[in-house]
Amino acid sequence: MYRVTRYLVVSLAVVAVVSAGCAKRAGMTQTTTPPPVAQVESKSAPEAVQPTPPAPRPPVRAAQRSGTTRGDQGTARPAPSEFANVADLKEIHFDFDKHEIRKSDAEILDGNAQWLKSHDDQLVLIEGHCDERGTVEYNLALGERRAKSTLDYLVSRGVQSARISIVSYGEERPACADHSEGCWAKNRRAHFLVKPR
């Protein structure tokens, strides 16, 4: 009996020591969270050096790269080589990194719309152009927006959209080769070509 009691006392003492040790270890365990990582803001280049677009740059379609024209509904149109210049259709110009029609250019487009309505046997091709600043892809997309806003203006003045095709050349066909603001202003344009139906 003495042996059993002694065995129980020793067993209880061992269990108590082990339990106390486990509790101590559990209390010592700490979870640490890593300190927050500081966010670094990237600074874009000044506008005069490199344009920063106000929105994400849209993807460039293969049709834009190859110079294929398209109408406002995305339908294929004749090749640009089939169209010719007409002195009566004046080109318009745009502000830097913009595709909105300026008031002075709206007056030019009003004259172009009158000519096109009186020559309804002609199809028209609107070329969108940009200056050399910005990436090739961005300028192709901007040139298309310029041609499209010009198309929309002519349609609002009564020219049938089915007669109009657009193409973007981006910075590929500059009217002026100098690297100056005066020259860049000449390159930011929508140019008009026509061909008989």
N, C-alpha and C. Protein backbone atom coordinates (compact mmCIF):
# COMPACT_ATOMS: atom_id res chain seq x y z
N MET A 1 0.82 -1.18 0.00
CA MET A 1 0.00 0.00 0.00
C MET A 1 0.87 1.25 0.00
N TYR A 2 1.94 1.22 0.83
CA TYR A 2 2.86 2.35 0.90
C TYR A 2 3.47 2.62 -0.47
N ARG A 3 3.82 1.52 -1.17
CA ARG A 3 4.42 1.63 -2.49
C ARG A 3 3.46 2.28 -3.48
N VAL A 4 2.19 1.93 -3.45
CA VAL A 4 1.18 2.48 -4.37
C VAL A 4 1.00 3.96 -4.07
N THR A 5 0.94 4.33 -2.79
CA THR A 5 0.76 5.73 -2.42
C THR A 5 1.96 6.55 -2.86
N ARG A 6 3.14 6.00 -2.61
CA ARG A 6 4.35 6.70 -3.03
C ARG A 6 4.37 6.87 -4.56
N TYR A 7 3.99 5.84 -5.28
CA TYR A 7 3.94 5.90 -6.74
C TYR A 7 2.97 6.98 -7.19
N LEU A 8 1.79 7.09 -6.55
CA LEU A 8 0.80 8.10 -6.90
C LEU A 8 1.32 9.50 -6.63
N VAL A 9 2.00 9.70 -5.51
CA VAL A 9 2.52 11.02 -5.16
C VAL A 9 3.58 11.43 -6.18
N VAL A 10 4.47 10.51 -6.52
CA VAL A 10 5.51 10.83 -7.51
C VAL A 10 4.89 11.14 -8.86
N SER A 11 3.91 10.34 -9.25
CA SER A 11 3.23 10.55 -10.55
C SER A 11 2.56 11.91 -10.58
N LEU A 12 1.87 12.28 -9.49
CA LEU A 12 1.19 13.57 -9.44
C LEU A 12 2.20 14.71 -9.51
N ALA A 13 3.34 14.54 -8.85
CA ALA A 13 4.37 15.58 -8.87
C ALA A 13 4.93 15.76 -10.28
N VAL A 14 5.15 14.65 -10.99
CA VAL A 14 5.65 14.72 -12.37
C VAL A 14 4.65 15.41 -13.26
N VAL A 15 3.38 15.07 -13.13
CA VAL A 15 2.32 15.67 -13.95
C VAL A 15 2.25 17.17 -13.66
N ALA A 16 2.37 17.57 -12.40
CA ALA A 16 2.31 18.98 -12.03
C ALA A 16 3.47 19.76 -12.64
N VAL A 17 4.68 19.19 -12.59
CA VAL A 17 5.85 19.86 -13.16
C VAL A 17 5.72 20.00 -14.67
N VAL A 18 5.31 18.92 -15.32
CA VAL A 18 5.15 18.95 -16.78
C VAL A 18 4.10 19.96 -17.18
N SER A 19 2.97 19.98 -16.45
CA SER A 19 1.89 20.94 -16.76
C SER A 19 2.36 22.36 -16.58
N ALA A 20 3.09 22.61 -15.51
CA ALA A 20 3.59 23.96 -15.26
C ALA A 20 4.57 24.39 -16.36
N GLY A 21 5.40 23.47 -16.78
CA GLY A 21 6.35 23.77 -17.85
C GLY A 21 5.65 24.08 -19.15
N CYS A 22 4.62 23.30 -19.49
CA CYS A 22 3.86 23.53 -20.73
C CYS A 22 3.15 24.87 -20.68
N ALA A 23 2.57 25.18 -19.52
CA ALA A 23 1.85 26.45 -19.39
C ALA A 23 2.82 27.61 -19.55
N LYS A 24 4.01 27.47 -18.99
CA LYS A 24 5.00 28.53 -19.10
C LYS A 24 5.41 28.74 -20.54
N ARG A 25 5.62 27.65 -21.27
CA ARG A 25 6.02 27.76 -22.68
C ARG A 25 4.91 28.42 -23.50
N ALA A 26 3.66 27.99 -23.24
CA ALA A 26 2.55 28.58 -23.99
C ALA A 26 2.45 30.06 -23.73
N GLY A 27 2.68 30.48 -22.50
CA GLY A 27 2.62 31.90 -22.17
C GLY A 27 3.74 32.68 -22.80
N MET A 28 4.86 32.06 -23.07
CA MET A 28 6.01 32.75 -23.63
C MET A 28 5.89 32.92 -25.15
N THR A 29 5.04 32.15 -25.78
CA THR A 29 4.91 32.22 -27.24
C THR A 29 4.28 33.56 -27.62
N GLN A 30 4.90 34.26 -28.57
CA GLN A 30 4.39 35.54 -29.02
C GLN A 30 4.21 35.52 -30.53
N THR A 31 3.14 36.18 -30.95
CA THR A 31 2.98 36.36 -32.40
C THR A 31 3.30 37.80 -32.71
N THR A 32 4.17 38.00 -33.68
CA THR A 32 4.53 39.36 -34.06
C THR A 32 4.09 39.62 -35.49
N THR A 33 3.63 40.81 -35.71
CA THR A 33 3.24 41.21 -37.06
C THR A 33 4.35 42.06 -37.63
N PRO A 34 4.69 41.83 -38.89
CA PRO A 34 5.76 42.64 -39.47
C PRO A 34 5.31 44.09 -39.57
N PRO A 35 6.24 45.02 -39.42
CA PRO A 35 5.87 46.44 -39.52
C PRO A 35 5.34 46.73 -40.92
N PRO A 36 4.42 47.72 -41.05
CA PRO A 36 3.86 48.04 -42.37
C PRO A 36 4.94 48.54 -43.32
N VAL A 37 4.78 48.15 -44.60
CA VAL A 37 5.75 48.57 -45.63
C VAL A 37 5.31 49.92 -46.16
N ALA A 38 6.22 50.83 -46.23
CA ALA A 38 5.89 52.18 -46.72
C ALA A 38 5.65 52.13 -48.22
N GLN A 39 4.61 52.81 -48.66
CA GLN A 39 4.30 52.90 -50.09
C GLN A 39 5.10 54.05 -50.69
N VAL A 40 5.80 53.80 -51.77
CA VAL A 40 6.57 54.84 -52.45
C VAL A 40 5.79 55.31 -53.66
N GLU A 41 5.53 56.60 -53.71
CA GLU A 41 4.80 57.14 -54.85
C GLU A 41 5.77 57.41 -55.98
N SER A 42 5.36 56.99 -57.19
CA SER A 42 6.21 57.27 -58.34
C SER A 42 5.83 58.64 -58.88
N LYS A 43 6.81 59.40 -59.22
CA LYS A 43 6.55 60.74 -59.75
C LYS A 43 6.71 60.69 -61.26
N SER A 44 5.70 61.19 -61.96
CA SER A 44 5.77 61.20 -63.42
C SER A 44 6.60 62.39 -63.87
N ALA A 45 7.10 62.28 -65.07
CA ALA A 45 7.92 63.34 -65.65
C ALA A 45 7.06 64.55 -65.93
N PRO A 46 7.63 65.74 -65.94
CA PRO A 46 6.85 66.94 -66.25
C PRO A 46 6.22 66.83 -67.62
N GLU A 47 5.05 67.48 -67.79
CA GLU A 47 4.29 67.35 -69.03
C GLU A 47 5.08 67.82 -70.24
N ALA A 48 5.92 68.83 -70.05
CA ALA A 48 6.66 69.35 -71.20
C ALA A 48 7.68 68.34 -71.73
N VAL A 49 8.14 67.45 -70.85
CA VAL A 49 9.14 66.48 -71.27
C VAL A 49 8.46 65.21 -71.78
N GLN A 50 7.56 64.65 -70.99
CA GLN A 50 6.89 63.40 -71.36
C GLN A 50 5.42 63.49 -70.93
N PRO A 51 4.46 63.35 -71.83
CA PRO A 51 3.06 63.48 -71.45
C PRO A 51 2.62 62.34 -70.55
N THR A 52 1.78 62.69 -69.59
CA THR A 52 1.18 61.69 -68.73
C THR A 52 -0.30 61.64 -69.08
N PRO A 53 -0.79 60.55 -69.63
CA PRO A 53 -2.19 60.50 -70.04
C PRO A 53 -3.13 60.51 -68.84
N PRO A 54 -4.32 61.09 -68.98
CA PRO A 54 -5.25 61.14 -67.87
C PRO A 54 -5.90 59.80 -67.57
N ALA A 55 -5.88 58.87 -68.50
CA ALA A 55 -6.51 57.58 -68.31
C ALA A 55 -5.55 56.49 -68.79
N PRO A 56 -5.81 55.23 -68.41
CA PRO A 56 -4.95 54.15 -68.90
C PRO A 56 -4.94 54.11 -70.41
N ARG A 57 -3.81 53.76 -70.95
CA ARG A 57 -3.69 53.75 -72.40
C ARG A 57 -4.42 52.55 -72.98
N PRO A 58 -5.28 52.81 -73.96
CA PRO A 58 -6.02 51.70 -74.55
C PRO A 58 -5.13 50.83 -75.42
N PRO A 59 -5.50 49.54 -75.58
CA PRO A 59 -4.70 48.67 -76.43
C PRO A 59 -4.78 49.10 -77.88
N VAL A 60 -3.73 48.84 -78.62
CA VAL A 60 -3.68 49.20 -80.03
C VAL A 60 -4.08 48.00 -80.87
N ARG A 61 -5.06 48.20 -81.72
CA ARG A 61 -5.52 47.11 -82.58
C ARG A 61 -4.57 46.93 -83.76
N ALA A 62 -4.54 45.72 -84.29
CA ALA A 62 -3.68 45.43 -85.44
C ALA A 62 -4.04 46.31 -86.62
N ALA A 63 -5.31 46.66 -86.75
CA ALA A 63 -5.75 47.50 -87.86
C ALA A 63 -5.07 48.86 -87.80
N GLN A 64 -4.84 49.38 -86.60
CA GLN A 64 -4.19 50.67 -86.48
C GLN A 64 -2.74 50.58 -86.93
N ARG A 65 -2.06 49.51 -86.56
CA ARG A 65 -0.65 49.38 -86.91
C ARG A 65 -0.45 49.27 -88.42
N SER A 66 -1.37 48.61 -89.10
CA SER A 66 -1.19 48.39 -90.53
C SER A 66 -1.71 49.54 -91.38
N GLY A 67 -2.34 50.54 -90.74
CA GLY A 67 -2.87 51.66 -91.50
C GLY A 67 -4.22 51.38 -92.14
N THR A 68 -4.88 50.32 -91.74
CA THR A 68 -6.20 50.00 -92.27
C THR A 68 -7.20 51.03 -91.77
N THR A 69 -8.11 51.43 -92.62
CA THR A 69 -9.11 52.39 -92.20
C THR A 69 -10.33 51.67 -91.66
N ARG A 70 -11.13 52.43 -90.92
CA ARG A 70 -12.39 51.89 -90.44
C ARG A 70 -13.39 53.02 -90.30
N GLY A 71 -14.65 52.71 -90.42
CA GLY A 71 -15.71 53.70 -90.23
C GLY A 71 -16.10 53.74 -88.78
N ASP A 72 -17.12 54.53 -88.46
CA ASP A 72 -17.50 54.68 -87.06
C ASP A 72 -18.13 53.40 -86.50
N GLN A 73 -18.52 52.47 -87.32
CA GLN A 73 -19.08 51.21 -86.84
C GLN A 73 -18.05 50.08 -86.88
N GLY A 74 -16.80 50.39 -87.23
CA GLY A 74 -15.74 49.38 -87.24
C GLY A 74 -15.69 48.57 -88.53
N THR A 75 -16.42 48.98 -89.55
CA THR A 75 -16.42 48.23 -90.80
C THR A 75 -15.19 48.58 -91.63
N ALA A 76 -14.72 47.63 -92.41
CA ALA A 76 -13.53 47.86 -93.25
C ALA A 76 -13.88 48.83 -94.36
N ARG A 77 -12.92 49.68 -94.70
CA ARG A 77 -13.11 50.69 -95.74
C ARG A 77 -11.98 50.57 -96.75
N PRO A 78 -12.06 51.32 -97.87
CA PRO A 78 -10.99 51.30 -98.87
C PRO A 78 -9.65 51.73 -98.28
N ALA A 79 -8.57 51.35 -98.92
CA ALA A 79 -7.22 51.68 -98.47
C ALA A 79 -6.96 53.18 -98.61
N PRO A 80 -6.15 53.76 -97.72
CA PRO A 80 -5.86 55.20 -97.80
C PRO A 80 -5.26 55.62 -99.13
N SER A 81 -4.54 54.74 -99.80
CA SER A 81 -3.91 55.09 -101.08
C SER A 81 -4.94 55.41 -102.17
N GLU A 82 -6.20 55.03 -101.97
CA GLU A 82 -7.25 55.31 -102.94
C GLU A 82 -7.80 56.73 -102.81
N PHE A 83 -7.44 57.44 -101.74
CA PHE A 83 -7.97 58.78 -101.47
C PHE A 83 -6.97 59.85 -101.88
N ALA A 84 -7.49 61.06 -102.13
CA ALA A 84 -6.63 62.17 -102.57
C ALA A 84 -6.96 63.44 -101.80
N ASN A 85 -6.01 64.38 -101.78
CA ASN A 85 -6.22 65.69 -101.14
C ASN A 85 -7.18 66.52 -101.97
N VAL A 86 -7.95 67.36 -101.28
CA VAL A 86 -8.80 68.36 -101.91
C VAL A 86 -8.55 69.67 -101.18
N ALA A 87 -8.22 70.72 -101.91
CA ALA A 87 -7.87 72.00 -101.30
C ALA A 87 -9.02 72.60 -100.48
N ASP A 88 -10.26 72.26 -100.84
CA ASP A 88 -11.42 72.85 -100.14
C ASP A 88 -11.62 72.29 -98.73
N LEU A 89 -11.05 71.14 -98.43
CA LEU A 89 -11.18 70.56 -97.09
C LEU A 89 -9.95 70.91 -96.27
N LYS A 90 -10.15 71.73 -95.27
CA LYS A 90 -9.04 72.22 -94.43
C LYS A 90 -8.85 71.29 -93.23
N GLU A 91 -7.59 71.07 -92.87
CA GLU A 91 -7.33 70.26 -91.70
C GLU A 91 -7.50 71.09 -90.43
N ILE A 92 -7.75 70.38 -89.32
CA ILE A 92 -7.89 71.05 -88.03
C ILE A 92 -6.77 70.59 -87.12
N HIS A 93 -6.57 71.33 -86.03
CA HIS A 93 -5.48 71.03 -85.09
C HIS A 93 -6.02 70.86 -83.67
N PHE A 94 -5.21 70.26 -82.82
CA PHE A 94 -5.62 69.93 -81.45
C PHE A 94 -4.60 70.43 -80.44
N ASP A 95 -5.07 70.65 -79.22
CA ASP A 95 -4.16 70.98 -78.12
C ASP A 95 -3.38 69.73 -77.73
N PHE A 96 -2.29 69.95 -77.01
CA PHE A 96 -1.42 68.86 -76.57
C PHE A 96 -2.20 67.83 -75.75
N ASP A 97 -2.09 66.55 -76.15
CA ASP A 97 -2.69 65.42 -75.45
C ASP A 97 -4.21 65.51 -75.37
N LYS A 98 -4.84 66.19 -76.32
CA LYS A 98 -6.30 66.36 -76.33
C LYS A 98 -6.87 65.88 -77.66
N HIS A 99 -8.17 65.56 -77.63
CA HIS A 99 -8.87 65.20 -78.86
C HIS A 99 -10.17 65.98 -79.03
N GLU A 100 -10.42 66.93 -78.13
CA GLU A 100 -11.63 67.75 -78.22
C GLU A 100 -11.46 68.80 -79.32
N ILE A 101 -12.57 69.09 -80.00
CA ILE A 101 -12.58 70.09 -81.08
C ILE A 101 -12.58 71.49 -80.46
N ARG A 102 -11.61 72.32 -80.85
CA ARG A 102 -11.55 73.69 -80.36
C ARG A 102 -12.54 74.57 -81.14
N LYS A 103 -12.92 75.69 -80.56
CA LYS A 103 -13.91 76.56 -81.18
C LYS A 103 -13.48 77.03 -82.57
N SER A 104 -12.23 77.44 -82.70
CA SER A 104 -11.74 77.92 -84.00
C SER A 104 -11.75 76.79 -85.04
N ASP A 105 -11.48 75.57 -84.59
CA ASP A 105 -11.48 74.43 -85.52
C ASP A 105 -12.90 73.98 -85.84
N ALA A 106 -13.85 74.23 -84.95
CA ALA A 106 -15.25 73.90 -85.23
C ALA A 106 -15.74 74.71 -86.43
N GLU A 107 -15.29 75.96 -86.54
CA GLU A 107 -15.67 76.79 -87.68
C GLU A 107 -15.11 76.21 -88.99
N ILE A 108 -13.89 75.70 -88.93
CA ILE A 108 -13.29 75.05 -90.11
C ILE A 108 -14.11 73.81 -90.48
N LEU A 109 -14.47 73.02 -89.45
CA LEU A 109 -15.26 71.81 -89.72
C LEU A 109 -16.65 72.14 -90.26
N ASP A 110 -17.23 73.26 -89.86
CA ASP A 110 -18.52 73.67 -90.42
C ASP A 110 -18.39 73.88 -91.92
N GLY A 111 -17.29 74.52 -92.34
CA GLY A 111 -17.04 74.71 -93.78
C GLY A 111 -16.81 73.39 -94.48
N ASN A 112 -16.07 72.48 -93.84
CA ASN A 112 -15.84 71.15 -94.43
C ASN A 112 -17.16 70.38 -94.57
N ALA A 113 -18.02 70.50 -93.56
CA ALA A 113 -19.32 69.80 -93.61
C ALA A 113 -20.16 70.33 -94.77
N GLN A 114 -20.16 71.65 -94.99
CA GLN A 114 -20.92 72.22 -96.11
C GLN A 114 -20.40 71.69 -97.44
N TRP A 115 -19.07 71.63 -97.58
CA TRP A 115 -18.50 71.12 -98.83
C TRP A 115 -18.88 69.66 -99.03
N LEU A 116 -18.77 68.85 -97.98
CA LEU A 116 -19.09 67.42 -98.11
C LEU A 116 -20.57 67.20 -98.42
N LYS A 117 -21.45 68.01 -97.85
CA LYS A 117 -22.88 67.85 -98.15
C LYS A 117 -23.19 68.26 -99.59
N SER A 118 -22.46 69.23 -100.12
CA SER A 118 -22.70 69.62 -101.52
C SER A 118 -21.97 68.72 -102.51
N HIS A 119 -21.10 67.84 -102.02
CA HIS A 119 -20.40 66.86 -102.86
C HIS A 119 -20.67 65.46 -102.30
N ASP A 120 -21.93 65.10 -102.30
CA ASP A 120 -22.29 63.81 -101.66
C ASP A 120 -21.88 62.60 -102.49
N ASP A 121 -21.22 62.82 -103.62
CA ASP A 121 -20.69 61.71 -104.41
C ASP A 121 -19.27 61.33 -103.94
N GLN A 122 -18.78 61.98 -102.90
CA GLN A 122 -17.42 61.75 -102.41
C GLN A 122 -17.43 61.02 -101.06
N LEU A 123 -16.53 60.07 -100.92
CA LEU A 123 -16.25 59.46 -99.62
C LEU A 123 -15.11 60.24 -98.99
N VAL A 124 -15.06 60.28 -97.69
CA VAL A 124 -14.00 61.05 -97.01
C VAL A 124 -13.24 60.16 -96.04
N LEU A 125 -11.94 60.36 -95.99
CA LEU A 125 -11.06 59.67 -95.04
C LEU A 125 -10.48 60.73 -94.12
N ILE A 126 -10.63 60.53 -92.81
CA ILE A 126 -10.06 61.44 -91.81
C ILE A 126 -8.85 60.74 -91.20
N GLU A 127 -7.69 61.39 -91.33
CA GLU A 127 -6.46 60.87 -90.73
C GLU A 127 -6.21 61.58 -89.40
N GLY A 128 -5.94 60.79 -88.34
CA GLY A 128 -5.59 61.36 -87.05
C GLY A 128 -4.08 61.33 -86.86
N HIS A 129 -3.50 62.48 -86.48
CA HIS A 129 -2.04 62.59 -86.32
C HIS A 129 -1.70 63.18 -84.96
N CYS A 130 -0.46 62.89 -84.50
CA CYS A 130 0.03 63.37 -83.20
C CYS A 130 1.44 63.92 -83.36
N ASP A 131 1.90 64.63 -82.31
CA ASP A 131 3.31 65.01 -82.31
C ASP A 131 4.14 63.84 -81.78
N GLU A 132 5.44 64.00 -81.72
CA GLU A 132 6.34 62.89 -81.42
C GLU A 132 6.39 62.50 -79.95
N ARG A 133 5.81 63.29 -79.05
CA ARG A 133 5.88 62.99 -77.63
C ARG A 133 4.90 61.89 -77.27
N GLY A 134 5.30 60.98 -76.38
CA GLY A 134 4.47 59.84 -76.01
C GLY A 134 4.92 58.59 -76.75
N THR A 135 4.39 57.44 -76.31
CA THR A 135 4.77 56.17 -76.94
C THR A 135 4.04 56.00 -78.27
N VAL A 136 4.54 55.11 -79.07
CA VAL A 136 3.91 54.83 -80.37
C VAL A 136 2.46 54.37 -80.16
N GLU A 137 2.26 53.44 -79.21
CA GLU A 137 0.91 52.90 -78.97
C GLU A 137 -0.04 54.00 -78.50
N TYR A 138 0.43 54.83 -77.57
CA TYR A 138 -0.43 55.89 -77.05
C TYR A 138 -0.80 56.88 -78.15
N ASN A 139 0.16 57.25 -78.99
CA ASN A 139 -0.11 58.21 -80.06
C ASN A 139 -1.04 57.63 -81.13
N LEU A 140 -0.95 56.34 -81.39
CA LEU A 140 -1.90 55.72 -82.33
C LEU A 140 -3.33 55.80 -81.77
N ALA A 141 -3.47 55.53 -80.48
CA ALA A 141 -4.80 55.60 -79.87
C ALA A 141 -5.31 57.04 -79.82
N LEU A 142 -4.43 57.99 -79.51
CA LEU A 142 -4.82 59.40 -79.47
C LEU A 142 -5.18 59.89 -80.87
N GLY A 143 -4.42 59.48 -81.88
CA GLY A 143 -4.76 59.85 -83.26
C GLY A 143 -6.12 59.33 -83.67
N GLU A 144 -6.46 58.12 -83.21
CA GLU A 144 -7.78 57.58 -83.52
C GLU A 144 -8.88 58.37 -82.82
N ARG A 145 -8.64 58.76 -81.57
CA ARG A 145 -9.64 59.57 -80.85
C ARG A 145 -9.84 60.92 -81.55
N ARG A 146 -8.77 61.49 -82.07
CA ARG A 146 -8.88 62.77 -82.79
C ARG A 146 -9.69 62.60 -84.07
N ALA A 147 -9.41 61.55 -84.82
CA ALA A 147 -10.17 61.30 -86.05
C ALA A 147 -11.63 61.02 -85.72
N LYS A 148 -11.89 60.28 -84.65
CA LYS A 148 -13.26 59.93 -84.26
C LYS A 148 -14.03 61.16 -83.80
N SER A 149 -13.42 62.04 -83.04
CA SER A 149 -14.14 63.25 -82.61
C SER A 149 -14.43 64.16 -83.80
N THR A 150 -13.54 64.16 -84.79
CA THR A 150 -13.78 64.93 -86.01
C THR A 150 -14.94 64.33 -86.79
N LEU A 151 -14.95 63.01 -86.91
CA LEU A 151 -16.06 62.31 -87.57
C LEU A 151 -17.38 62.65 -86.88
N ASP A 152 -17.40 62.55 -85.55
CA ASP A 152 -18.63 62.82 -84.79
C ASP A 152 -19.13 64.24 -85.02
N TYR A 153 -18.20 65.19 -85.11
CA TYR A 153 -18.61 66.58 -85.35
C TYR A 153 -19.24 66.72 -86.73
N LEU A 154 -18.62 66.12 -87.75
CA LEU A 154 -19.18 66.21 -89.11
C LEU A 154 -20.56 65.56 -89.18
N VAL A 155 -20.72 64.43 -88.51
CA VAL A 155 -22.03 63.76 -88.49
C VAL A 155 -23.06 64.65 -87.81
N SER A 156 -22.66 65.35 -86.74
CA SER A 156 -23.59 66.26 -86.06
C SER A 156 -24.00 67.43 -86.95
N ARG A 157 -23.23 67.68 -88.01
CA ARG A 157 -23.55 68.75 -88.95
C ARG A 157 -24.22 68.23 -90.23
N GLY A 158 -24.63 66.97 -90.21
CA GLY A 158 -25.43 66.44 -91.32
C GLY A 158 -24.71 65.60 -92.35
N VAL A 159 -23.41 65.32 -92.15
CA VAL A 159 -22.69 64.46 -93.09
C VAL A 159 -22.97 63.01 -92.70
N GLN A 160 -23.29 62.18 -93.68
CA GLN A 160 -23.61 60.77 -93.41
C GLN A 160 -22.38 60.02 -92.91
N SER A 161 -22.53 59.32 -91.80
CA SER A 161 -21.39 58.59 -91.22
C SER A 161 -20.91 57.47 -92.14
N ALA A 162 -21.81 56.93 -92.97
CA ALA A 162 -21.43 55.83 -93.88
C ALA A 162 -20.41 56.29 -94.93
N ARG A 163 -20.29 57.59 -95.14
CA ARG A 163 -19.34 58.13 -96.12
C ARG A 163 -17.95 58.34 -95.53
N ILE A 164 -17.83 58.22 -94.22
CA ILE A 164 -16.59 58.61 -93.55
C ILE A 164 -15.82 57.40 -93.03
N SER A 165 -14.53 57.38 -93.29
CA SER A 165 -13.62 56.39 -92.73
C SER A 165 -12.56 57.14 -91.93
N ILE A 166 -11.98 56.46 -90.96
CA ILE A 166 -10.90 57.09 -90.19
C ILE A 166 -9.69 56.17 -90.14
N VAL A 167 -8.53 56.79 -89.96
CA VAL A 167 -7.28 56.04 -89.79
C VAL A 167 -6.39 56.86 -88.86
N SER A 168 -5.63 56.19 -88.03
CA SER A 168 -4.68 56.87 -87.16
C SER A 168 -3.26 56.53 -87.59
N TYR A 169 -2.44 57.57 -87.73
CA TYR A 169 -1.02 57.38 -88.01
C TYR A 169 -0.16 57.73 -86.80
N GLY A 170 -0.79 58.18 -85.72
CA GLY A 170 -0.02 58.55 -84.55
C GLY A 170 1.02 59.59 -84.91
N GLU A 171 2.28 59.29 -84.58
CA GLU A 171 3.38 60.21 -84.86
C GLU A 171 4.14 59.86 -86.15
N GLU A 172 3.65 58.86 -86.91
CA GLU A 172 4.39 58.31 -88.04
C GLU A 172 4.53 59.24 -89.23
N ARG A 173 3.60 60.15 -89.43
CA ARG A 173 3.63 61.02 -90.62
C ARG A 173 3.57 62.50 -90.21
N PRO A 174 4.66 63.03 -89.66
CA PRO A 174 4.62 64.42 -89.22
C PRO A 174 4.57 65.40 -90.39
N ALA A 175 3.89 66.51 -90.18
CA ALA A 175 3.86 67.58 -91.19
C ALA A 175 5.09 68.45 -91.05
N CYS A 176 5.71 68.44 -89.87
CA CYS A 176 6.88 69.26 -89.58
C CYS A 176 7.87 68.41 -88.78
N ALA A 177 9.16 68.51 -89.10
CA ALA A 177 10.16 67.62 -88.48
C ALA A 177 10.97 68.28 -87.36
N ASP A 178 10.77 69.57 -87.09
CA ASP A 178 11.52 70.23 -86.02
C ASP A 178 11.04 69.73 -84.66
N HIS A 179 11.91 69.89 -83.66
CA HIS A 179 11.56 69.47 -82.30
C HIS A 179 11.26 70.72 -81.47
N SER A 180 10.13 71.35 -81.79
CA SER A 180 9.73 72.58 -81.10
C SER A 180 8.21 72.60 -80.95
N GLU A 181 7.73 73.43 -80.04
CA GLU A 181 6.28 73.51 -79.80
C GLU A 181 5.54 73.96 -81.05
N GLY A 182 6.11 74.92 -81.77
CA GLY A 182 5.45 75.39 -82.99
C GLY A 182 5.28 74.29 -84.01
N CYS A 183 6.28 73.44 -84.13
CA CYS A 183 6.23 72.31 -85.06
C CYS A 183 5.27 71.24 -84.55
N TRP A 184 5.35 70.93 -83.26
CA TRP A 184 4.46 69.91 -82.68
C TRP A 184 2.99 70.30 -82.85
N ALA A 185 2.70 71.60 -82.75
CA ALA A 185 1.32 72.07 -82.90
C ALA A 185 0.80 71.78 -84.30
N LYS A 186 1.69 71.85 -85.31
CA LYS A 186 1.27 71.54 -86.69
C LYS A 186 1.01 70.05 -86.87
N ASN A 187 1.69 69.21 -86.10
CA ASN A 187 1.55 67.76 -86.24
C ASN A 187 0.31 67.21 -85.54
N ARG A 188 -0.23 67.92 -84.58
CA ARG A 188 -1.43 67.47 -83.86
C ARG A 188 -2.65 67.86 -84.69
N ARG A 189 -3.06 66.97 -85.60
CA ARG A 189 -4.06 67.39 -86.58
C ARG A 189 -4.97 66.25 -87.02
N ALA A 190 -6.06 66.65 -87.68
CA ALA A 190 -6.91 65.73 -88.43
C ALA A 190 -6.88 66.23 -89.87
N HIS A 191 -6.51 65.33 -90.78
CA HIS A 191 -6.34 65.66 -92.19
C HIS A 191 -7.42 64.95 -93.01
N PHE A 192 -7.88 65.58 -94.09
CA PHE A 192 -8.99 65.05 -94.89
C PHE A 192 -8.56 64.69 -96.30
N LEU A 193 -9.01 63.52 -96.74
CA LEU A 193 -8.82 63.04 -98.11
C LEU A 193 -10.17 62.55 -98.63
N VAL A 194 -10.34 62.60 -99.94
CA VAL A 194 -11.61 62.14 -100.52
C VAL A 194 -11.36 61.22 -101.72
N LYS A 195 -12.42 60.51 -102.09
CA LYS A 195 -12.42 59.69 -103.31
C LYS A 195 -13.87 59.55 -103.77
N PRO A 196 -14.08 59.40 -105.06
CA PRO A 196 -15.46 59.22 -105.55
C PRO A 196 -16.04 57.91 -105.01
N ARG A 197 -17.35 57.89 -104.83
CA ARG A 197 -18.03 56.67 -104.36
C ARG A 197 -17.91 55.57 -105.39
